[in-house]
Amino acid sequence: MTLERAQSLIAAALAAGRALGARPLAAVVVDAGGHIVASAREDGATIARHEFALAKAWSCIALGLDTRDLVERAEANTAFFSAAATLLSGRLLPAAGGVLVREDKQILGALGVSGDAADVDDACAVAAIGR
């Protein structure tokens, strides 16, 4: 994941949010190792939004799935996700708004978006990566 690509993804996610009339957003891109490459928080986004966006991106990398898929799995297997959240020091957040960034079949990183309802966050993230 290059810095240029990460910044482009963030710009696209925030633009999607503006087009949808979303509340102020935060967006974070992590590389395949879960390390932050770039992040941004719009004016007016609440103070926890950056941490939520990071947790969504990190959750994608940790489990290899978009967070909308993690939501379904968490609902079906609450005991596993409760244990996983504890094991992973609370960094796991199965809430829509995190998407994997792939090139061919290789995972390059993930984008997490937070600031509005989970479905809106997810729409912004999906739009940013062009799905």
C-alpha atoms as a PDB file:
ATOM      1  CA  MET A   1       0.000   0.000   0.000  1.00  0.00           C
ATOM      2  CA  THR A   2       1.595   3.232  -1.104  1.00  0.00           C
ATOM      3  CA  LEU A   3       1.016   6.559   0.601  1.00  0.00           C
ATOM      4  CA  GLU A   4      -0.304   7.969  -2.676  1.00  0.00           C
ATOM      5  CA  ARG A   5      -2.895   5.210  -3.016  1.00  0.00           C
ATOM      6  CA  ALA A   6      -3.887   5.499   0.648  1.00  0.00           C
ATOM      7  CA  GLN A   7      -4.413   9.241   0.361  1.00  0.00           C
ATOM      8  CA  SER A   8      -6.417   8.739  -2.835  1.00  0.00           C
ATOM      9  CA  LEU A   9      -8.680   6.204  -1.100  1.00  0.00           C
ATOM     10  CA  ILE A  10      -9.261   8.585   1.791  1.00  0.00           C
ATOM     11  CA  ALA A  11     -10.073  11.469  -0.541  1.00  0.00           C
ATOM     12  CA  ALA A  12     -12.527   9.252  -2.446  1.00  0.00           C
ATOM     13  CA  ALA A  13     -14.216   8.052   0.756  1.00  0.00           C
ATOM     14  CA  LEU A  14     -14.642  11.594   2.066  1.00  0.00           C
ATOM     15  CA  ALA A  15     -15.945  12.771  -1.324  1.00  0.00           C
ATOM     16  CA  ALA A  16     -18.467   9.933  -1.294  1.00  0.00           C
ATOM     17  CA  GLY A  17     -19.550  11.055   2.155  1.00  0.00           C
ATOM     18  CA  ARG A  18     -20.109  14.602   0.972  1.00  0.00           C
ATOM     19  CA  ALA A  19     -22.082  13.333  -2.035  1.00  0.00           C
ATOM     20  CA  LEU A  20     -24.293  11.249   0.276  1.00  0.00           C
ATOM     21  CA  GLY A  21     -24.749  14.088   2.766  1.00  0.00           C
ATOM     22  CA  ALA A  22     -23.036  12.069   5.492  1.00  0.00           C
ATOM     23  CA  ARG A  23     -22.097  13.477   8.857  1.00  0.00           C
ATOM     24  CA  PRO A  24     -18.391  14.403   9.159  1.00  0.00           C
ATOM     25  CA  LEU A  25     -16.226  11.318   8.641  1.00  0.00           C
ATOM     26  CA  ALA A  26     -12.866   9.916   9.577  1.00  0.00           C
ATOM     27  CA  ALA A  27     -11.027   7.509   7.272  1.00  0.00           C
ATOM     28  CA  VAL A  28      -7.960   5.367   7.904  1.00  0.00           C
ATOM     29  CA  VAL A  29      -5.943   3.192   5.543  1.00  0.00           C
ATOM     30  CA  VAL A  30      -3.724   0.428   6.909  1.00  0.00           C
ATOM     31  CA  ASP A  31      -1.259  -1.765   5.057  1.00  0.00           C
ATOM     32  CA  ALA A  32      -1.388  -5.561   4.950  1.00  0.00           C
ATOM     33  CA  GLY A  33       0.352  -5.668   8.340  1.00  0.00           C
ATOM     34  CA  GLY A  34      -2.275  -3.448   9.966  1.00  0.00           C
ATOM     35  CA  HIS A  35      -0.015  -0.372  10.187  1.00  0.00           C
ATOM     36  CA  ILE A  36      -1.500   3.054   9.499  1.00  0.00           C
ATOM     37  CA  VAL A  37      -0.443   4.455   6.122  1.00  0.00           C
ATOM     38  CA  ALA A  38      -2.708   7.522   6.082  1.00  0.00           C
ATOM     39  CA  SER A  39      -5.673   8.968   7.930  1.00  0.00           C
ATOM     40  CA  ALA A  40      -7.931  11.998   7.942  1.00  0.00           C
ATOM     41  CA  ARG A  41     -10.724  13.356  10.100  1.00  0.00           C
ATOM     42  CA  GLU A  42     -13.122  15.908   8.677  1.00  0.00           C
ATOM     43  CA  ASP A  43     -13.904  19.065  10.588  1.00  0.00           C
ATOM     44  CA  GLY A  44     -16.718  18.329  12.987  1.00  0.00           C
ATOM     45  CA  ALA A  45     -16.140  14.570  13.199  1.00  0.00           C
ATOM     46  CA  THR A  46     -16.399  13.440  16.791  1.00  0.00           C
ATOM     47  CA  ILE A  47     -13.224  12.578  18.667  1.00  0.00           C
ATOM     48  CA  ALA A  48     -13.640   8.802  18.621  1.00  0.00           C
ATOM     49  CA  ARG A  49     -14.269   8.504  14.870  1.00  0.00           C
ATOM     50  CA  HIS A  50     -10.585   8.066  13.986  1.00  0.00           C
ATOM     51  CA  GLU A  51     -10.286   5.154  16.420  1.00  0.00           C
ATOM     52  CA  PHE A  52     -13.456   3.533  15.064  1.00  0.00           C
ATOM     53  CA  ALA A  53     -12.213   3.892  11.465  1.00  0.00           C
ATOM     54  CA  LEU A  54      -8.856   2.397  12.448  1.00  0.00           C
ATOM     55  CA  ALA A  55     -10.555  -0.515  14.224  1.00  0.00           C
ATOM     56  CA  LYS A  56     -12.684  -1.237  11.152  1.00  0.00           C
ATOM     57  CA  ALA A  57      -9.639  -1.243   8.845  1.00  0.00           C
ATOM     58  CA  TRP A  58      -7.601  -3.319  11.296  1.00  0.00           C
ATOM     59  CA  SER A  59     -10.449  -5.829  11.705  1.00  0.00           C
ATOM     60  CA  CYS A  60     -10.476  -6.407   7.944  1.00  0.00           C
ATOM     61  CA  ILE A  61      -6.768  -7.209   7.960  1.00  0.00           C
ATOM     62  CA  ALA A  62      -6.954  -9.315  11.115  1.00  0.00           C
ATOM     63  CA  LEU A  63      -9.709 -11.597   9.795  1.00  0.00           C
ATOM     64  CA  GLY A  64      -9.355 -11.203   6.024  1.00  0.00           C
ATOM     65  CA  LEU A  65     -12.921 -10.011   5.420  1.00  0.00           C
ATOM     66  CA  ASP A  66     -14.804  -6.772   4.870  1.00  0.00           C
ATOM     67  CA  THR A  67     -16.459  -5.681   8.105  1.00  0.00           C
ATOM     68  CA  ARG A  68     -19.994  -6.021   6.670  1.00  0.00           C
ATOM     69  CA  ASP A  69     -19.209  -9.741   6.427  1.00  0.00           C
ATOM     70  CA  LEU A  70     -17.794  -9.706   9.960  1.00  0.00           C
ATOM     71  CA  VAL A  71     -21.101  -8.302  11.240  1.00  0.00           C
ATOM     72  CA  GLU A  72     -22.956 -11.345   9.906  1.00  0.00           C
ATOM     73  CA  ARG A  73     -20.395 -13.724  11.372  1.00  0.00           C
ATOM     74  CA  ALA A  74     -20.405 -11.938  14.733  1.00  0.00           C
ATOM     75  CA  GLU A  75     -24.186 -12.242  14.945  1.00  0.00           C
ATOM     76  CA  ALA A  76     -23.954 -15.963  14.208  1.00  0.00           C
ATOM     77  CA  ASN A  77     -21.041 -16.661  16.566  1.00  0.00           C
ATOM     78  CA  THR A  78     -21.073 -14.198  19.452  1.00  0.00           C
ATOM     79  CA  ALA A  79     -18.871 -16.333  21.706  1.00  0.00           C
ATOM     80  CA  PHE A  80     -16.022 -16.403  19.172  1.00  0.00           C
ATOM     81  CA  PHE A  81     -16.173 -12.662  18.529  1.00  0.00           C
ATOM     82  CA  SER A  82     -16.346 -11.855  22.219  1.00  0.00           C
ATOM     83  CA  ALA A  83     -13.258 -13.977  22.843  1.00  0.00           C
ATOM     84  CA  ALA A  84     -11.514 -12.542  19.781  1.00  0.00           C
ATOM     85  CA  ALA A  85     -12.166  -8.974  20.934  1.00  0.00           C
ATOM     86  CA  THR A  86     -10.576  -9.800  24.281  1.00  0.00           C
ATOM     87  CA  LEU A  87      -7.663 -11.660  22.720  1.00  0.00           C
ATOM     88  CA  LEU A  88      -7.024  -8.779  20.314  1.00  0.00           C
ATOM     89  CA  SER A  89      -7.057  -6.148  23.073  1.00  0.00           C
ATOM     90  CA  GLY A  90     -10.361  -4.651  21.975  1.00  0.00           C
ATOM     91  CA  ARG A  91      -9.138  -3.733  18.478  1.00  0.00           C
ATOM     92  CA  LEU A  92     -11.742  -5.889  16.719  1.00  0.00           C
ATOM     93  CA  LEU A  93     -14.819  -3.964  15.554  1.00  0.00           C
ATOM     94  CA  PRO A  94     -17.342  -5.931  13.481  1.00  0.00           C
ATOM     95  CA  ALA A  95     -19.257  -2.909  12.192  1.00  0.00           C
ATOM     96  CA  ALA A  96     -19.807  -2.077   8.525  1.00  0.00           C
ATOM     97  CA  GLY A  97     -17.456   0.519   7.078  1.00  0.00           C
ATOM     98  CA  GLY A  98     -14.223  -1.435   6.649  1.00  0.00           C
ATOM     99  CA  VAL A  99     -13.170  -2.869   3.291  1.00  0.00           C
ATOM    100  CA  LEU A 100     -10.156  -4.792   2.100  1.00  0.00           C
ATOM    101  CA  VAL A 101      -8.037  -3.247  -0.638  1.00  0.00           C
ATOM    102  CA  ARG A 102      -6.857  -5.874  -3.101  1.00  0.00           C
ATOM    103  CA  GLU A 103      -4.805  -5.991  -6.221  1.00  0.00           C
ATOM    104  CA  ASP A 104      -5.654  -9.148  -8.110  1.00  0.00           C
ATOM    105  CA  LYS A 105      -6.000 -11.589  -5.193  1.00  0.00           C
ATOM    106  CA  GLN A 106      -3.346  -9.982  -2.990  1.00  0.00           C
ATOM    107  CA  ILE A 107      -4.499  -7.969   0.026  1.00  0.00           C
ATOM    108  CA  LEU A 108      -2.674  -4.634   0.028  1.00  0.00           C
ATOM    109  CA  GLY A 109      -4.424  -3.198   3.055  1.00  0.00           C
ATOM    110  CA  ALA A 110      -7.797  -1.948   4.213  1.00  0.00           C
ATOM    111  CA  LEU A 111      -9.832   1.237   4.433  1.00  0.00           C
ATOM    112  CA  GLY A 112     -11.982   2.045   7.447  1.00  0.00           C
ATOM    113  CA  VAL A 113     -14.594   4.812   7.513  1.00  0.00           C
ATOM    114  CA  SER A 114     -16.577   6.070  10.500  1.00  0.00           C
ATOM    115  CA  GLY A 115     -18.796   9.032  11.268  1.00  0.00           C
ATOM    116  CA  ASP A 116     -22.320   8.190  10.161  1.00  0.00           C
ATOM    117  CA  ALA A 117     -24.534   5.121  10.352  1.00  0.00           C
ATOM    118  CA  ALA A 118     -22.658   1.923   9.551  1.00  0.00           C
ATOM    119  CA  ASP A 119     -24.425   1.519   6.197  1.00  0.00           C
ATOM    120  CA  VAL A 120     -23.384   5.030   5.146  1.00  0.00           C
ATOM    121  CA  ASP A 121     -19.811   4.456   6.321  1.00  0.00           C
ATOM    122  CA  ASP A 122     -19.771   1.239   4.306  1.00  0.00           C
ATOM    123  CA  ALA A 123     -21.168   2.929   1.183  1.00  0.00           C
ATOM    124  CA  CYS A 124     -18.376   5.515   1.381  1.00  0.00           C
ATOM    125  CA  ALA A 125     -15.673   2.869   1.791  1.00  0.00           C
ATOM    126  CA  VAL A 126     -17.056   0.722  -1.033  1.00  0.00           C
ATOM    127  CA  ALA A 127     -17.316   3.739  -3.330  1.00  0.00           C
ATOM    128  CA  ALA A 128     -13.729   4.694  -2.560  1.00  0.00           C
ATOM    129  CA  ILE A 129     -12.327   1.387  -3.699  1.00  0.00           C
ATOM    130  CA  GLY A 130     -14.591   1.273  -6.741  1.00  0.00           C
ATOM    131  CA  ARG A 131     -16.766  -1.764  -6.024  1.00  0.00           C
END
